[in-house]
Amino acid sequence: MLSANTNDLERLILQHIPRDALMAFEDAYFDGDTKGRSRASDFEKGHRPSAAGHIKHFFNNESFFEALQAHGAEPSPLRGTKLVVGRLGIFNIARLNVPGHKWVNLQRSASRKKLADHNDAINKKFIQADLFQEATDPVVGTIFIVGVMDGTDANNISQLTQVMLALPAPNMKSWLYISTITDFVKLYDEADAVAQVDNAKPILRTITKKQTDNEQGN
């Protein structure tokens, strides 16, 4: 469930994650998925599901790495099955696959759990605020770029159908915020519209009666 402080969390993300970077992450996910499925289709039918899972992981990691690098997020090195993690503003950025909308067993990855722990300050400030103690502004957080695999292609290989942006709760049992990237990028347009409001007020110039030679106008 989304918190009552959705707008605050959205503003925090807008402040630190550029629109172009977010759109590049979405494109990278679809690009990696397409390449992986194409390569996996060469395997025999019985091997395809397993082959696709491994191959798509590597293609997705490479395309995600390139997108992070192109936007100055300084991604961690490509190395086998390790997570690729970048950094934009206060946020660590990493990938997360969710097969068939099955939002379970997300805690099994120790690396992702460690990244989610960074959202503790965000959780305390925006979600579980203490009435007797003012929460400090977060200086670090984690965003997962979530690929939802709930489709299959002509070769019966699982297919990416949706890419989402999500802030995991520190315990990885819920989301502090989640949205499709398609919906989230619309917020940049809204923010631009607010920033460009024309507050200029026209001022009429007072025209005084022309006088010449003397005070009587003679």
Protein backbone atom coordinates (compact mmCIF):
# COMPACT_ATOMS: atom_id res chain seq x y z
CA MET A 1 0.00 0.00 0.00
CA LEU A 2 1.17 3.53 -0.72
CA SER A 3 1.62 5.85 2.22
CA ALA A 4 -0.29 9.04 2.92
CA ASN A 5 2.93 10.91 2.14
CA THR A 6 3.04 9.87 -1.50
CA ASN A 7 3.49 13.43 -2.73
CA ASP A 8 6.48 13.98 -0.44
CA LEU A 9 8.16 10.81 -1.68
CA GLU A 10 7.48 11.74 -5.30
CA ARG A 11 9.05 15.15 -4.78
CA LEU A 12 12.10 13.51 -3.21
CA ILE A 13 12.54 11.22 -6.23
CA LEU A 14 11.97 14.05 -8.71
CA GLN A 15 14.65 16.06 -6.94
CA HIS A 16 17.33 13.38 -7.34
CA ILE A 17 16.45 11.27 -10.41
CA PRO A 18 16.44 12.98 -13.82
CA ARG A 19 13.59 12.15 -16.18
CA ASP A 20 15.96 11.08 -18.98
CA ALA A 21 17.77 8.66 -16.68
CA LEU A 22 14.54 7.02 -15.57
CA MET A 23 13.35 6.60 -19.15
CA ALA A 24 16.75 5.17 -20.09
CA PHE A 25 16.45 2.55 -17.34
CA GLU A 26 13.08 1.47 -18.73
CA ASP A 27 14.42 1.27 -22.30
CA ALA A 28 17.46 -0.68 -21.08
CA TYR A 29 15.25 -3.25 -19.37
CA PHE A 30 13.17 -3.85 -22.48
CA ASP A 31 16.29 -3.93 -24.67
CA GLY A 32 17.99 -6.52 -22.48
CA ASP A 33 14.85 -8.63 -22.31
CA THR A 34 14.43 -8.59 -26.09
CA LYS A 35 18.05 -9.58 -26.73
CA GLY A 36 17.95 -12.32 -24.11
CA ARG A 37 14.76 -13.87 -25.46
CA SER A 38 16.12 -13.76 -29.00
CA ARG A 39 19.30 -15.60 -28.00
CA ALA A 40 17.45 -18.13 -25.81
CA SER A 41 15.12 -19.09 -28.67
CA ASP A 42 18.05 -20.97 -30.26
CA PHE A 43 17.95 -23.57 -27.48
CA GLU A 44 15.80 -26.68 -27.55
CA LYS A 45 12.31 -26.21 -26.13
CA GLY A 46 13.09 -28.02 -22.88
CA HIS A 47 16.08 -25.81 -22.19
CA ARG A 48 14.58 -22.48 -23.18
CA PRO A 49 13.09 -21.37 -19.84
CA SER A 50 16.32 -22.02 -17.95
CA ALA A 51 18.53 -20.65 -20.71
CA ALA A 52 16.39 -17.53 -21.01
CA GLY A 53 16.65 -16.80 -17.30
CA HIS A 54 20.44 -16.86 -17.35
CA ILE A 55 20.92 -15.11 -20.68
CA LYS A 56 18.43 -12.34 -19.95
CA HIS A 57 20.16 -11.66 -16.65
CA PHE A 58 23.44 -10.92 -18.42
CA PHE A 59 21.87 -8.86 -21.21
CA ASN A 60 19.78 -6.90 -18.70
CA ASN A 61 22.82 -6.26 -16.52
CA GLU A 62 24.82 -4.99 -19.49
CA SER A 63 22.08 -2.70 -20.81
CA PHE A 64 21.35 -1.41 -17.29
CA PHE A 65 25.07 -0.80 -16.71
CA GLU A 66 25.26 1.24 -19.92
CA ALA A 67 22.20 3.31 -18.97
CA LEU A 68 23.62 4.06 -15.51
CA GLN A 69 27.00 4.95 -16.97
CA ALA A 70 25.49 7.23 -19.62
CA HIS A 71 23.77 9.29 -16.91
CA GLY A 72 26.74 9.60 -14.57
CA ALA A 73 25.50 7.06 -12.03
CA GLU A 74 28.90 5.32 -11.77
CA PRO A 75 27.64 1.70 -11.82
CA SER A 76 29.43 -1.09 -9.99
CA PRO A 77 31.51 -3.35 -12.26
CA LEU A 78 29.89 -6.13 -14.27
CA ARG A 79 30.78 -9.37 -12.55
CA GLY A 80 28.84 -12.60 -13.04
CA THR A 81 25.51 -12.65 -11.23
CA LYS A 82 26.33 -9.76 -8.89
CA LEU A 83 23.93 -6.83 -8.75
CA VAL A 84 24.76 -3.79 -10.81
CA VAL A 85 24.23 -0.76 -8.57
CA GLY A 86 24.50 2.91 -9.53
CA ARG A 87 24.02 6.14 -7.61
CA LEU A 88 22.05 9.28 -8.51
CA GLY A 89 21.68 11.98 -5.89
CA ILE A 90 20.97 10.26 -2.57
CA PHE A 91 19.65 7.11 -4.24
CA ASN A 92 21.27 3.78 -4.96
CA ILE A 93 19.71 2.34 -8.13
CA ALA A 94 19.43 -1.43 -8.72
CA ARG A 95 17.31 -3.89 -10.73
CA LEU A 96 14.74 -6.36 -9.46
CA ASN A 97 12.81 -8.99 -11.45
CA VAL A 98 9.30 -10.01 -10.40
CA PRO A 99 7.94 -13.03 -12.32
CA GLY A 100 4.22 -13.02 -12.95
CA HIS A 101 3.39 -10.33 -10.37
CA LYS A 102 4.42 -12.78 -7.63
CA TRP A 103 5.59 -10.27 -5.04
CA VAL A 104 6.98 -12.92 -2.73
CA ASN A 105 10.41 -14.16 -1.69
CA LEU A 106 11.88 -10.74 -2.42
CA GLN A 107 13.84 -10.96 0.83
CA ARG A 108 15.95 -13.90 -0.29
CA SER A 109 18.62 -11.67 -1.80
CA ALA A 110 20.96 -10.49 0.94
CA SER A 111 22.39 -7.81 -1.35
CA ARG A 112 18.97 -6.30 -2.07
CA LYS A 113 18.02 -6.52 1.59
CA LYS A 114 21.14 -4.56 2.50
CA LEU A 115 20.26 -1.92 -0.09
CA ALA A 116 16.68 -1.70 1.21
CA ASP A 117 18.02 -0.99 4.71
CA HIS A 118 19.21 2.38 3.38
CA ASN A 119 15.56 3.50 3.25
CA ASP A 120 15.31 3.52 7.05
CA ALA A 121 15.63 7.32 7.29
CA ILE A 122 13.09 7.81 4.49
CA ASN A 123 10.71 5.47 6.28
CA LYS A 124 11.10 7.35 9.58
CA LYS A 125 10.65 10.78 8.02
CA PHE A 126 7.76 10.14 5.63
CA ILE A 127 6.00 6.96 6.77
CA GLN A 128 6.46 6.31 10.48
CA ALA A 129 7.18 9.78 11.80
CA ASP A 130 7.76 10.08 15.53
CA LEU A 131 5.49 12.74 17.07
CA PHE A 132 8.05 13.47 19.77
CA GLN A 133 11.20 13.54 17.69
CA GLU A 134 11.89 15.36 14.45
CA ALA A 135 13.23 13.03 11.77
CA THR A 136 16.40 14.04 9.97
CA ASP A 137 16.46 14.55 6.22
CA PRO A 138 17.57 11.34 4.47
CA VAL A 139 21.05 11.38 2.99
CA VAL A 140 20.86 7.95 1.35
CA GLY A 141 18.13 5.71 -0.04
CA THR A 142 17.48 2.93 -2.53
CA ILE A 143 15.27 2.71 -5.58
CA PHE A 144 14.62 -0.56 -7.37
CA ILE A 145 13.85 -0.54 -11.08
CA VAL A 146 11.41 -3.46 -11.13
CA GLY A 147 10.86 -5.59 -14.23
CA VAL A 148 7.51 -7.40 -14.18
CA MET A 149 7.58 -10.63 -16.20
CA ASP A 150 3.95 -11.63 -16.65
CA GLY A 151 3.85 -12.52 -20.33
CA THR A 152 5.30 -15.07 -22.76
CA ASP A 153 6.46 -14.64 -26.34
CA ALA A 154 5.94 -16.86 -29.40
CA ASN A 155 8.69 -19.20 -28.14
CA ASN A 156 7.00 -19.57 -24.76
CA ILE A 157 9.76 -17.59 -23.03
CA SER A 158 8.80 -15.30 -20.16
CA GLN A 159 8.53 -11.72 -21.39
CA LEU A 160 8.95 -8.35 -19.74
CA THR A 161 5.67 -6.42 -19.87
CA GLN A 162 6.11 -3.57 -17.42
CA VAL A 163 8.87 -1.61 -15.68
CA MET A 164 8.22 0.03 -12.33
CA LEU A 165 9.99 2.34 -9.91
CA ALA A 166 9.85 1.27 -6.27
CA LEU A 167 11.20 2.31 -2.89
CA PRO A 168 11.37 -0.83 -0.76
CA ALA A 169 10.63 -0.74 2.95
CA PRO A 170 13.76 -1.49 5.03
CA ASN A 171 12.48 -5.00 5.82
CA MET A 172 11.59 -5.70 2.14
CA LYS A 173 8.08 -6.74 3.23
CA SER A 174 6.32 -3.79 1.61
CA TRP A 175 6.87 -0.72 -0.53
CA LEU A 176 7.22 2.83 0.69
CA TYR A 177 6.36 3.90 -2.85
CA ILE A 178 5.74 2.12 -6.15
CA SER A 179 4.64 3.32 -9.60
CA THR A 180 5.02 2.34 -13.21
CA ILE A 181 7.71 4.40 -14.89
CA THR A 182 5.18 5.35 -17.57
CA ASP A 183 3.01 7.01 -14.91
CA PHE A 184 5.88 8.47 -12.93
CA VAL A 185 7.47 10.36 -15.83
CA LYS A 186 4.23 12.34 -16.18
CA LEU A 187 5.07 13.97 -12.84
CA TYR A 188 8.06 15.71 -14.43
CA ASP A 189 5.70 17.52 -16.81
CA GLU A 190 3.50 18.56 -13.90
CA ALA A 191 6.52 19.81 -11.97
CA ASP A 192 7.72 21.77 -15.02
CA ALA A 193 4.28 23.34 -15.42
CA VAL A 194 4.28 24.50 -11.79
CA ALA A 195 7.80 25.87 -12.12
CA GLN A 196 6.91 27.84 -15.23
CA VAL A 197 3.79 29.57 -13.91
CA ASP A 198 3.76 33.15 -15.23
CA ASN A 199 3.34 35.41 -12.23
CA ALA A 200 4.12 38.58 -14.12
CA LYS A 201 1.60 41.38 -13.51
CA PRO A 202 1.16 44.03 -16.21
CA ILE A 203 1.67 47.58 -14.98
CA LEU A 204 -0.03 50.42 -16.84
CA ARG A 205 2.24 53.38 -17.43
CA THR A 206 0.87 56.66 -16.18
CA ILE A 207 0.86 59.30 -18.96
CA THR A 208 1.32 62.82 -17.71
CA LYS A 209 0.15 65.92 -19.55
CA LYS A 210 2.95 67.39 -21.62
CA GLN A 211 4.02 70.85 -20.66
CA THR A 212 6.20 73.22 -22.60
CA ASP A 213 7.97 76.49 -21.80
CA ASN A 214 6.20 77.19 -18.53
CA GLU A 215 3.91 75.72 -15.95
CA GLN A 216 0.84 76.81 -17.91
CA GLY A 217 2.00 74.97 -21.02
CA ASN A 218 2.49 78.14 -23.06
